[in-house]
C-alpha atoms as a PDB file:
ATOM      1  CA  UNK A   1       0.000   0.000   0.000  1.00  0.00           C
ATOM      2  CA  UNK A   2       1.459   3.411  -0.954  1.00  0.00           C
ATOM      3  CA  UNK A   3       2.520   5.721   1.854  1.00  0.00           C
ATOM      4  CA  UNK A   4       0.255   8.524   2.966  1.00  0.00           C
ATOM      5  CA  UNK A   5       1.159  11.969   1.665  1.00  0.00           C
ATOM      6  CA  UNK A   6       0.539  15.301   3.369  1.00  0.00           C
ATOM      7  CA  UNK A   7      -0.857  18.430   1.825  1.00  0.00           C
ATOM      8  CA  UNK A   8      -2.655  21.501   3.065  1.00  0.00           C
ATOM      9  CA  UNK A   9      -5.573  23.541   1.917  1.00  0.00           C
ATOM     10  CA  UNK A  10      -6.314  27.162   2.652  1.00  0.00           C
ATOM     11  CA  UNK A  11      -9.944  28.086   3.126  1.00  0.00           C
ATOM     12  CA  UNK A  12     -10.365  31.730   2.193  1.00  0.00           C
ATOM     13  CA  UNK A  13     -12.632  34.417   3.685  1.00  0.00           C
ATOM     14  CA  UNK A  14     -15.512  33.553   1.345  1.00  0.00           C
ATOM     15  CA  UNK A  15     -15.761  30.085   2.920  1.00  0.00           C
ATOM     16  CA  UNK A  16     -16.408  31.769   6.275  1.00  0.00           C
ATOM     17  CA  UNK A  17     -18.756  34.443   4.892  1.00  0.00           C
ATOM     18  CA  UNK A  18     -20.892  31.800   3.211  1.00  0.00           C
ATOM     19  CA  UNK A  19     -20.696  29.398   6.184  1.00  0.00           C
ATOM     20  CA  UNK A  20     -19.117  26.673   4.032  1.00  0.00           C
ATOM     21  CA  UNK A  21     -16.180  25.665   6.239  1.00  0.00           C
ATOM     22  CA  UNK A  22     -17.747  22.508   7.678  1.00  0.00           C
ATOM     23  CA  UNK A  23     -19.094  21.467   4.281  1.00  0.00           C
ATOM     24  CA  UNK A  24     -15.685  21.903   2.627  1.00  0.00           C
ATOM     25  CA  UNK A  25     -13.870  19.924   5.308  1.00  0.00           C
ATOM     26  CA  UNK A  26     -16.542  17.198   5.168  1.00  0.00           C
ATOM     27  CA  UNK A  27     -16.022  16.977   1.396  1.00  0.00           C
ATOM     28  CA  UNK A  28     -12.353  16.180   1.939  1.00  0.00           C
ATOM     29  CA  UNK A  29     -13.009  13.722   4.778  1.00  0.00           C
ATOM     30  CA  UNK A  30     -15.610  11.941   2.628  1.00  0.00           C
ATOM     31  CA  UNK A  31     -12.990  11.734  -0.146  1.00  0.00           C
ATOM     32  CA  UNK A  32     -10.682   9.789   2.179  1.00  0.00           C
ATOM     33  CA  UNK A  33      -8.551  12.599   3.627  1.00  0.00           C
ATOM     34  CA  UNK A  34      -7.654  12.650   7.318  1.00  0.00           C
ATOM     35  CA  UNK A  35      -7.512  16.070   8.987  1.00  0.00           C
ATOM     36  CA  UNK A  36      -4.242  16.143  10.927  1.00  0.00           C
ATOM     37  CA  UNK A  37      -4.387  19.783  12.095  1.00  0.00           C
ATOM     38  CA  UNK A  38      -6.260  23.013  11.448  1.00  0.00           C
ATOM     39  CA  UNK A  39      -5.331  26.601  12.166  1.00  0.00           C
ATOM     40  CA  UNK A  40      -7.803  29.460  11.921  1.00  0.00           C
ATOM     41  CA  UNK A  41      -6.391  32.964  11.572  1.00  0.00           C
ATOM     42  CA  UNK A  42      -8.504  36.125  11.656  1.00  0.00           C
ATOM     43  CA  UNK A  43      -7.040  38.670   9.235  1.00  0.00           C
ATOM     44  CA  UNK A  44      -3.648  36.975   8.838  1.00  0.00           C
ATOM     45  CA  UNK A  45      -0.507  39.073   8.671  1.00  0.00           C
ATOM     46  CA  UNK A  46       0.284  40.197   5.155  1.00  0.00           C
ATOM     47  CA  UNK A  47       3.820  38.756   5.408  1.00  0.00           C
ATOM     48  CA  UNK A  48       2.420  35.268   6.132  1.00  0.00           C
ATOM     49  CA  UNK A  49       0.068  35.350   3.144  1.00  0.00           C
ATOM     50  CA  UNK A  50       2.743  36.831   0.861  1.00  0.00           C
ATOM     51  CA  UNK A  51       5.102  34.020   1.808  1.00  0.00           C
ATOM     52  CA  UNK A  52       2.339  31.476   1.216  1.00  0.00           C
ATOM     53  CA  UNK A  53       1.730  32.848  -2.277  1.00  0.00           C
ATOM     54  CA  UNK A  54       5.410  33.128  -3.149  1.00  0.00           C
ATOM     55  CA  UNK A  55       6.203  35.391  -6.132  1.00  0.00           C
ATOM     56  CA  UNK A  56       7.773  32.509  -8.082  1.00  0.00           C
ATOM     57  CA  UNK A  57       4.301  31.003  -8.490  1.00  0.00           C
ATOM     58  CA  UNK A  58       3.161  34.242 -10.133  1.00  0.00           C
ATOM     59  CA  UNK A  59       6.237  34.824 -12.296  1.00  0.00           C
ATOM     60  CA  UNK A  60       4.524  36.417 -15.280  1.00  0.00           C
ATOM     61  CA  UNK A  61       4.006  40.146 -14.849  1.00  0.00           C
ATOM     62  CA  UNK A  62       0.224  39.984 -15.320  1.00  0.00           C
ATOM     63  CA  UNK A  63       0.053  37.308 -12.635  1.00  0.00           C
ATOM     64  CA  UNK A  64       1.824  39.527 -10.087  1.00  0.00           C
ATOM     65  CA  UNK A  65      -1.246  41.762 -10.094  1.00  0.00           C
ATOM     66  CA  UNK A  66      -3.411  38.703  -9.438  1.00  0.00           C
ATOM     67  CA  UNK A  67      -1.111  37.790  -6.525  1.00  0.00           C
ATOM     68  CA  UNK A  68      -1.599  41.261  -5.007  1.00  0.00           C
ATOM     69  CA  UNK A  69      -5.374  40.860  -5.177  1.00  0.00           C
ATOM     70  CA  UNK A  70      -5.303  37.334  -3.702  1.00  0.00           C
ATOM     71  CA  UNK A  71      -3.011  38.438  -0.857  1.00  0.00           C
ATOM     72  CA  UNK A  72      -5.241  41.431  -0.067  1.00  0.00           C
ATOM     73  CA  UNK A  73      -8.346  39.249  -0.208  1.00  0.00           C
ATOM     74  CA  UNK A  74      -6.907  36.634   2.172  1.00  0.00           C
ATOM     75  CA  UNK A  75      -5.853  39.367   4.608  1.00  0.00           C
ATOM     76  CA  UNK A  76      -9.365  40.843   4.596  1.00  0.00           C
ATOM     77  CA  UNK A  77     -10.983  38.191   6.766  1.00  0.00           C
ATOM     78  CA  UNK A  78     -10.684  34.801   8.382  1.00  0.00           C
ATOM     79  CA  UNK A  79      -8.753  31.972   6.727  1.00  0.00           C
ATOM     80  CA  UNK A  80      -8.177  28.389   7.808  1.00  0.00           C
ATOM     81  CA  UNK A  81      -5.139  26.289   6.991  1.00  0.00           C
ATOM     82  CA  UNK A  82      -5.994  22.592   7.117  1.00  0.00           C
ATOM     83  CA  UNK A  83      -3.325  19.877   7.133  1.00  0.00           C
ATOM     84  CA  UNK A  84      -4.592  16.782   5.318  1.00  0.00           C
ATOM     85  CA  UNK A  85      -3.216  13.294   4.776  1.00  0.00           C
ATOM     86  CA  UNK A  86      -4.013  10.405   2.425  1.00  0.00           C
ATOM     87  CA  UNK A  87      -2.479   8.477  -0.446  1.00  0.00           C
ATOM     88  CA  UNK A  88      -1.945  10.838  -3.410  1.00  0.00           C
ATOM     89  CA  UNK A  89      -3.095  13.758  -1.260  1.00  0.00           C
ATOM     90  CA  UNK A  90      -1.632  16.508  -3.451  1.00  0.00           C
ATOM     91  CA  UNK A  91      -3.098  15.223  -6.707  1.00  0.00           C
ATOM     92  CA  UNK A  92      -6.471  14.452  -5.107  1.00  0.00           C
ATOM     93  CA  UNK A  93      -6.699  17.874  -3.441  1.00  0.00           C
ATOM     94  CA  UNK A  94      -5.704  19.594  -6.680  1.00  0.00           C
ATOM     95  CA  UNK A  95      -8.643  17.916  -8.402  1.00  0.00           C
ATOM     96  CA  UNK A  96     -10.853  19.731  -5.856  1.00  0.00           C
ATOM     97  CA  UNK A  97      -9.055  23.063  -6.345  1.00  0.00           C
ATOM     98  CA  UNK A  98     -12.062  25.187  -7.276  1.00  0.00           C
ATOM     99  CA  UNK A  99     -13.167  25.327  -3.618  1.00  0.00           C
ATOM    100  CA  UNK A 100      -9.780  25.814  -1.927  1.00  0.00           C
ATOM    101  CA  UNK A 101      -6.158  26.763  -2.449  1.00  0.00           C
ATOM    102  CA  UNK A 102      -3.828  23.782  -2.470  1.00  0.00           C
ATOM    103  CA  UNK A 103      -0.197  23.212  -3.426  1.00  0.00           C
ATOM    104  CA  UNK A 104       0.649  21.760  -6.828  1.00  0.00           C
ATOM    105  CA  UNK A 105       3.569  19.532  -5.791  1.00  0.00           C
ATOM    106  CA  UNK A 106       5.336  17.977  -2.789  1.00  0.00           C
ATOM    107  CA  UNK A 107       7.927  20.754  -2.490  1.00  0.00           C
ATOM    108  CA  UNK A 108       5.264  23.468  -2.414  1.00  0.00           C
ATOM    109  CA  UNK A 109       3.178  21.388   0.029  1.00  0.00           C
ATOM    110  CA  UNK A 110       6.137  21.013   2.388  1.00  0.00           C
ATOM    111  CA  UNK A 111       6.891  24.735   2.279  1.00  0.00           C
ATOM    112  CA  UNK A 112       3.288  25.726   2.948  1.00  0.00           C
ATOM    113  CA  UNK A 113       2.857  23.158   5.742  1.00  0.00           C
ATOM    114  CA  UNK A 114       5.995  24.459   7.488  1.00  0.00           C
ATOM    115  CA  UNK A 115       4.763  28.013   7.050  1.00  0.00           C
ATOM    116  CA  UNK A 116       1.311  27.532   8.560  1.00  0.00           C
ATOM    117  CA  UNK A 117       1.960  24.707  11.033  1.00  0.00           C
ATOM    118  CA  UNK A 118       5.638  25.345  11.956  1.00  0.00           C
ATOM    119  CA  UNK A 119       6.532  21.695  11.243  1.00  0.00           C
END
């Protein structure tokens, strides 16, 4: 049996405004993910969110403007970082990307997990 893999998702302010947090987490649990930790942050520090959305991910000039908007949006309200585990966690979470932010690969997942959970 393949080893479990860790990833994280970031629930953005809209998930809290629309009262979707429990539903989103349940969706992942029902898809076989195990919640290992969760951290809720009200109006996270800009530096934390900027590090999460590192500039290298938004290398093209037009994407840097998108990064600014995403960072500002995430700093505008409550966010929740959720540490998840399962086989093929990164690929499976990416398939569910329209409802959350999730890393695209193991390196990015490791960086974001260390950032939010200090692991």
